[in-house]
Amino acid sequence: MQLGSFRNRIIAAALLGAVGSIVAVVLNRRPQPPAPAPEPPRLGYSRNGSAPTPLAGAGTETTR
């Protein structure tokens, strides 16, 4: 009878240790930092990659 009682104590101690380590891991987790914000659009550039359209008459210098 003593062998069964000893075995039960060993099993109980192992279970208690496993539960304690799981609790320690859960309590000591570091919070995850928030995801980085998306980069804001830059002024003067288009969003679709095409070149900006020039203004009407811009750069057309005529000398008569």
PDB file of N, CA and C in Angstrom:
ATOM      1  N   MET A   1       0.824  -1.199   0.000  1.00  0.00           N
ATOM      2  CA  MET A   1       0.000   0.000   0.000  1.00  0.00           C
ATOM      3  C   MET A   1       0.863   1.255   0.000  1.00  0.00           C
ATOM      4  N   GLN A   2       2.031   1.173   0.567  1.00  0.00           N
ATOM      5  CA  GLN A   2       2.856   2.370   0.629  1.00  0.00           C
ATOM      6  C   GLN A   2       3.370   2.764  -0.746  1.00  0.00           C
ATOM      7  N   LEU A   3       3.582   1.787  -1.632  1.00  0.00           N
ATOM      8  CA  LEU A   3       4.092   2.097  -2.959  1.00  0.00           C
ATOM      9  C   LEU A   3       3.060   2.892  -3.758  1.00  0.00           C
ATOM     10  N   GLY A   4       1.790   2.544  -3.653  1.00  0.00           N
ATOM     11  CA  GLY A   4       0.739   3.274  -4.358  1.00  0.00           C
ATOM     12  C   GLY A   4       0.589   4.685  -3.825  1.00  0.00           C
ATOM     13  N   SER A   5       0.707   4.861  -2.538  1.00  0.00           N
ATOM     14  CA  SER A   5       0.601   6.184  -1.932  1.00  0.00           C
ATOM     15  C   SER A   5       1.764   7.072  -2.366  1.00  0.00           C
ATOM     16  N   PHE A   6       2.966   6.481  -2.440  1.00  0.00           N
ATOM     17  CA  PHE A   6       4.138   7.245  -2.879  1.00  0.00           C
ATOM     18  C   PHE A   6       3.983   7.665  -4.340  1.00  0.00           C
ATOM     19  N   ARG A   7       3.478   6.748  -5.152  1.00  0.00           N
ATOM     20  CA  ARG A   7       3.277   7.053  -6.570  1.00  0.00           C
ATOM     21  C   ARG A   7       2.257   8.181  -6.740  1.00  0.00           C
ATOM     22  N   ASN A   8       1.203   8.159  -5.967  1.00  0.00           N
ATOM     23  CA  ASN A   8       0.194   9.215  -6.056  1.00  0.00           C
ATOM     24  C   ASN A   8       0.773  10.563  -5.649  1.00  0.00           C
ATOM     25  N   ARG A   9       1.641  10.567  -4.660  1.00  0.00           N
ATOM     26  CA  ARG A   9       2.275  11.826  -4.243  1.00  0.00           C
ATOM     27  C   ARG A   9       3.191  12.368  -5.337  1.00  0.00           C
ATOM     28  N   ILE A  10       3.920  11.471  -5.992  1.00  0.00           N
ATOM     29  CA  ILE A  10       4.799  11.900  -7.086  1.00  0.00           C
ATOM     30  C   ILE A  10       3.968  12.473  -8.234  1.00  0.00           C
ATOM     31  N   ILE A  11       2.874  11.812  -8.581  1.00  0.00           N
ATOM     32  CA  ILE A  11       2.001  12.302  -9.659  1.00  0.00           C
ATOM     33  C   ILE A  11       1.407  13.652  -9.280  1.00  0.00           C
ATOM     34  N   ALA A  12       0.964  13.789  -8.031  1.00  0.00           N
ATOM     35  CA  ALA A  12       0.388  15.060  -7.587  1.00  0.00           C
ATOM     36  C   ALA A  12       1.434  16.169  -7.615  1.00  0.00           C
ATOM     37  N   ALA A  13       2.665  15.868  -7.216  1.00  0.00           N
ATOM     38  CA  ALA A  13       3.723  16.880  -7.236  1.00  0.00           C
ATOM     39  C   ALA A  13       4.057  17.285  -8.668  1.00  0.00           C
ATOM     40  N   ALA A  14       4.081  16.318  -9.581  1.00  0.00           N
ATOM     41  CA  ALA A  14       4.364  16.633 -10.986  1.00  0.00           C
ATOM     42  C   ALA A  14       3.252  17.494 -11.582  1.00  0.00           C
ATOM     43  N   LEU A  15       2.013  17.161 -11.277  1.00  0.00           N
ATOM     44  CA  LEU A  15       0.892  17.968 -11.775  1.00  0.00           C
ATOM     45  C   LEU A  15       0.928  19.375 -11.200  1.00  0.00           C
ATOM     46  N   LEU A  16       1.233  19.479  -9.924  1.00  0.00           N
ATOM     47  CA  LEU A  16       1.309  20.792  -9.292  1.00  0.00           C
ATOM     48  C   LEU A  16       2.437  21.629  -9.902  1.00  0.00           C
ATOM     49  N   GLY A  17       3.555  21.002 -10.175  1.00  0.00           N
ATOM     50  CA  GLY A  17       4.661  21.713 -10.817  1.00  0.00           C
ATOM     51  C   GLY A  17       4.314  22.159 -12.227  1.00  0.00           C
ATOM     52  N   ALA A  18       3.623  21.298 -12.979  1.00  0.00           N
ATOM     53  CA  ALA A  18       3.228  21.665 -14.344  1.00  0.00           C
ATOM     54  C   ALA A  18       2.240  22.822 -14.330  1.00  0.00           C
ATOM     55  N   VAL A  19       1.257  22.764 -13.445  1.00  0.00           N
ATOM     56  CA  VAL A  19       0.274  23.847 -13.355  1.00  0.00           C
ATOM     57  C   VAL A  19       0.948  25.140 -12.911  1.00  0.00           C
ATOM     58  N   GLY A  20       1.859  25.050 -11.960  1.00  0.00           N
ATOM     59  CA  GLY A  20       2.569  26.243 -11.497  1.00  0.00           C
ATOM     60  C   GLY A  20       3.411  26.869 -12.590  1.00  0.00           C
ATOM     61  N   SER A  21       4.072  26.043 -13.400  1.00  0.00           N
ATOM     62  CA  SER A  21       4.882  26.610 -14.483  1.00  0.00           C
ATOM     63  C   SER A  21       4.010  27.230 -15.564  1.00  0.00           C
ATOM     64  N   ILE A  22       2.864  26.644 -15.843  1.00  0.00           N
ATOM     65  CA  ILE A  22       1.946  27.235 -16.830  1.00  0.00           C
ATOM     66  C   ILE A  22       1.434  28.576 -16.329  1.00  0.00           C
ATOM     67  N   VAL A  23       1.079  28.649 -15.058  1.00  0.00           N
ATOM     68  CA  VAL A  23       0.606  29.912 -14.485  1.00  0.00           C
ATOM     69  C   VAL A  23       1.713  30.961 -14.533  1.00  0.00           C
ATOM     70  N   ALA A  24       2.945  30.567 -14.241  1.00  0.00           N
ATOM     71  CA  ALA A  24       4.065  31.518 -14.275  1.00  0.00           C
ATOM     72  C   ALA A  24       4.289  32.046 -15.685  1.00  0.00           C
ATOM     73  N   VAL A  25       4.182  31.180 -16.680  1.00  0.00           N
ATOM     74  CA  VAL A  25       4.367  31.618 -18.071  1.00  0.00           C
ATOM     75  C   VAL A  25       3.260  32.582 -18.473  1.00  0.00           C
ATOM     76  N   VAL A  26       2.029  32.277 -18.097  1.00  0.00           N
ATOM     77  CA  VAL A  26       0.899  33.141 -18.468  1.00  0.00           C
ATOM     78  C   VAL A  26       1.022  34.505 -17.798  1.00  0.00           C
ATOM     79  N   LEU A  27       1.426  34.541 -16.545  1.00  0.00           N
ATOM     80  CA  LEU A  27       1.509  35.810 -15.826  1.00  0.00           C
ATOM     81  C   LEU A  27       2.706  36.650 -16.253  1.00  0.00           C
ATOM     82  N   ASN A  28       3.757  36.043 -16.752  1.00  0.00           N
ATOM     83  CA  ASN A  28       4.965  36.780 -17.098  1.00  0.00           C
ATOM     84  C   ASN A  28       5.096  37.083 -18.584  1.00  0.00           C
ATOM     85  N   ARG A  29       4.040  36.870 -19.343  1.00  0.00           N
ATOM     86  CA  ARG A  29       4.103  37.204 -20.768  1.00  0.00           C
ATOM     87  C   ARG A  29       4.212  38.704 -20.936  1.00  0.00           C
ATOM     88  N   ARG A  30       5.047  39.114 -21.880  1.00  0.00           N
ATOM     89  CA  ARG A  30       5.157  40.540 -22.178  1.00  0.00           C
ATOM     90  C   ARG A  30       4.045  40.928 -23.144  1.00  0.00           C
ATOM     91  N   PRO A  31       3.462  42.102 -22.954  1.00  0.00           N
ATOM     92  CA  PRO A  31       2.430  42.523 -23.909  1.00  0.00           C
ATOM     93  C   PRO A  31       3.061  42.816 -25.264  1.00  0.00           C
ATOM     94  N   GLN A  32       2.351  42.486 -26.315  1.00  0.00           N
ATOM     95  CA  GLN A  32       2.850  42.711 -27.666  1.00  0.00           C
ATOM     96  C   GLN A  32       2.720  44.186 -28.010  1.00  0.00           C
ATOM     97  N   PRO A  33       3.751  44.776 -28.616  1.00  0.00           N
ATOM     98  CA  PRO A  33       3.645  46.185 -29.020  1.00  0.00           C
ATOM     99  C   PRO A  33       2.636  46.329 -30.154  1.00  0.00           C
ATOM    100  N   PRO A  34       2.016  47.496 -30.267  1.00  0.00           N
ATOM    101  CA  PRO A  34       1.038  47.679 -31.345  1.00  0.00           C
ATOM    102  C   PRO A  34       1.726  47.653 -32.701  1.00  0.00           C
ATOM    103  N   ALA A  35       0.959  47.307 -33.711  1.00  0.00           N
ATOM    104  CA  ALA A  35       1.494  47.261 -35.075  1.00  0.00           C
ATOM    105  C   ALA A  35       1.864  48.679 -35.514  1.00  0.00           C
ATOM    106  N   PRO A  36       2.921  48.823 -36.302  1.00  0.00           N
ATOM    107  CA  PRO A  36       3.299  50.168 -36.745  1.00  0.00           C
ATOM    108  C   PRO A  36       2.223  50.776 -37.643  1.00  0.00           C
ATOM    109  N   ALA A  37       2.069  52.070 -37.526  1.00  0.00           N
ATOM    110  CA  ALA A  37       1.058  52.768 -38.318  1.00  0.00           C
ATOM    111  C   ALA A  37       1.508  52.823 -39.775  1.00  0.00           C
ATOM    112  N   PRO A  38       0.564  52.814 -40.698  1.00  0.00           N
ATOM    113  CA  PRO A  38       0.954  52.918 -42.103  1.00  0.00           C
ATOM    114  C   PRO A  38       1.558  54.284 -42.390  1.00  0.00           C
ATOM    115  N   GLU A  39       2.462  54.317 -43.342  1.00  0.00           N
ATOM    116  CA  GLU A  39       3.136  55.566 -43.681  1.00  0.00           C
ATOM    117  C   GLU A  39       2.148  56.510 -44.360  1.00  0.00           C
ATOM    118  N   PRO A  40       2.085  57.758 -43.928  1.00  0.00           N
ATOM    119  CA  PRO A  40       1.143  58.690 -44.557  1.00  0.00           C
ATOM    120  C   PRO A  40       1.586  59.006 -45.984  1.00  0.00           C
ATOM    121  N   PRO A  41       0.656  59.396 -46.835  1.00  0.00           N
ATOM    122  CA  PRO A  41       1.040  59.722 -48.209  1.00  0.00           C
ATOM    123  C   PRO A  41       1.926  60.964 -48.244  1.00  0.00           C
ATOM    124  N   ARG A  42       2.884  60.955 -49.115  1.00  0.00           N
ATOM    125  CA  ARG A  42       3.788  62.097 -49.231  1.00  0.00           C
ATOM    126  C   ARG A  42       3.158  63.150 -50.126  1.00  0.00           C
ATOM    127  N   LEU A  43       3.341  64.387 -49.747  1.00  0.00           N
ATOM    128  CA  LEU A  43       2.765  65.472 -50.528  1.00  0.00           C
ATOM    129  C   LEU A  43       3.526  65.624 -51.835  1.00  0.00           C
ATOM    130  N   GLY A  44       2.793  65.842 -52.903  1.00  0.00           N
ATOM    131  CA  GLY A  44       3.414  66.069 -54.194  1.00  0.00           C
ATOM    132  C   GLY A  44       3.607  64.816 -55.015  1.00  0.00           C
ATOM    133  N   TYR A  45       3.251  63.672 -54.488  1.00  0.00           N
ATOM    134  CA  TYR A  45       3.394  62.432 -55.233  1.00  0.00           C
ATOM    135  C   TYR A  45       2.021  61.799 -55.403  1.00  0.00           C
ATOM    136  N   SER A  46       1.860  61.103 -56.515  1.00  0.00           N
ATOM    137  CA  SER A  46       0.579  60.447 -56.755  1.00  0.00           C
ATOM    138  C   SER A  46       0.557  59.109 -56.037  1.00  0.00           C
ATOM    139  N   ARG A  47      -0.616  58.577 -55.848  1.00  0.00           N
ATOM    140  CA  ARG A  47      -0.754  57.314 -55.135  1.00  0.00           C
ATOM    141  C   ARG A  47      -0.624  56.113 -56.062  1.00  0.00           C
ATOM    142  N   ASN A  48      -0.906  56.288 -57.343  1.00  0.00           N
ATOM    143  CA  ASN A  48      -0.903  55.131 -58.229  1.00  0.00           C
ATOM    144  C   ASN A  48       0.405  54.975 -59.000  1.00  0.00           C
ATOM    145  N   GLY A  49       1.383  55.785 -58.766  1.00  0.00           N
ATOM    146  CA  GLY A  49       2.676  55.626 -59.393  1.00  0.00           C
ATOM    147  C   GLY A  49       2.849  56.370 -60.690  1.00  0.00           C
ATOM    148  N   SER A  50       1.806  56.983 -61.214  1.00  0.00           N
ATOM    149  CA  SER A  50       1.957  57.722 -62.465  1.00  0.00           C
ATOM    150  C   SER A  50       2.513  59.113 -62.171  1.00  0.00           C
ATOM    151  N   ALA A  51       3.087  59.695 -63.187  1.00  0.00           N
ATOM    152  CA  ALA A  51       3.667  61.029 -63.022  1.00  0.00           C
ATOM    153  C   ALA A  51       2.555  62.055 -62.853  1.00  0.00           C
ATOM    154  N   PRO A  52       2.786  63.079 -62.068  1.00  0.00           N
ATOM    155  CA  PRO A  52       1.754  64.113 -61.916  1.00  0.00           C
ATOM    156  C   PRO A  52       1.557  64.864 -63.228  1.00  0.00           C
ATOM    157  N   THR A  53       0.313  65.238 -63.471  1.00  0.00           N
ATOM    158  CA  THR A  53       0.015  65.959 -64.714  1.00  0.00           C
ATOM    159  C   THR A  53       0.466  67.406 -64.569  1.00  0.00           C
ATOM    160  N   PRO A  54       1.151  67.931 -65.585  1.00  0.00           N
ATOM    161  CA  PRO A  54       1.600  69.330 -65.497  1.00  0.00           C
ATOM    162  C   PRO A  54       0.424  70.286 -65.648  1.00  0.00           C
ATOM    163  N   LEU A  55       0.590  71.455 -65.115  1.00  0.00           N
ATOM    164  CA  LEU A  55      -0.442  72.478 -65.237  1.00  0.00           C
ATOM    165  C   LEU A  55      -0.501  72.975 -66.672  1.00  0.00           C
ATOM    166  N   ALA A  56      -1.650  73.440 -67.073  1.00  0.00           N
ATOM    167  CA  ALA A  56      -1.815  73.930 -68.445  1.00  0.00           C
ATOM    168  C   ALA A  56      -0.940  75.161 -68.647  1.00  0.00           C
ATOM    169  N   GLY A  57      -0.067  75.090 -69.621  1.00  0.00           N
ATOM    170  CA  GLY A  57       0.786  76.221 -69.940  1.00  0.00           C
ATOM    171  C   GLY A  57       2.039  76.310 -69.107  1.00  0.00           C
ATOM    172  N   ALA A  58       2.244  75.422 -68.204  1.00  0.00           N
ATOM    173  CA  ALA A  58       3.434  75.481 -67.365  1.00  0.00           C
ATOM    174  C   ALA A  58       4.641  74.999 -68.163  1.00  0.00           C
ATOM    175  N   GLY A  59       5.682  75.776 -68.167  1.00  0.00           N
ATOM    176  CA  GLY A  59       6.901  75.391 -68.848  1.00  0.00           C
ATOM    177  C   GLY A  59       6.894  75.659 -70.338  1.00  0.00           C
ATOM    178  N   THR A  60       5.857  76.270 -70.831  1.00  0.00           N
ATOM    179  CA  THR A  60       5.799  76.582 -72.271  1.00  0.00           C
ATOM    180  C   THR A  60       6.044  78.068 -72.432  1.00  0.00           C
ATOM    181  N   GLU A  61       7.275  78.408 -72.452  1.00  0.00           N
ATOM    182  CA  GLU A  61       7.633  79.816 -72.609  1.00  0.00           C
ATOM    183  C   GLU A  61       7.852  80.098 -74.092  1.00  0.00           C
ATOM    184  N   THR A  62       7.060  80.991 -74.614  1.00  0.00           N
ATOM    185  CA  THR A  62       7.196  81.344 -76.035  1.00  0.00           C
ATOM    186  C   THR A  62       7.705  82.771 -76.139  1.00  0.00           C
ATOM    187  N   THR A  63       8.686  82.950 -76.950  1.00  0.00           N
ATOM    188  CA  THR A  63       9.209  84.297 -77.193  1.00  0.00           C
ATOM    189  C   THR A  63       8.937  84.646 -78.642  1.00  0.00           C
ATOM    190  N   ARG A  64       8.127  85.648 -78.892  1.00  0.00           N
ATOM    191  CA  ARG A  64       7.803  86.059 -80.256  1.00  0.00           C
ATOM    192  C   ARG A  64       8.341  87.412 -80.541  1.00  0.00           C
TER     193      ARG A  64
END
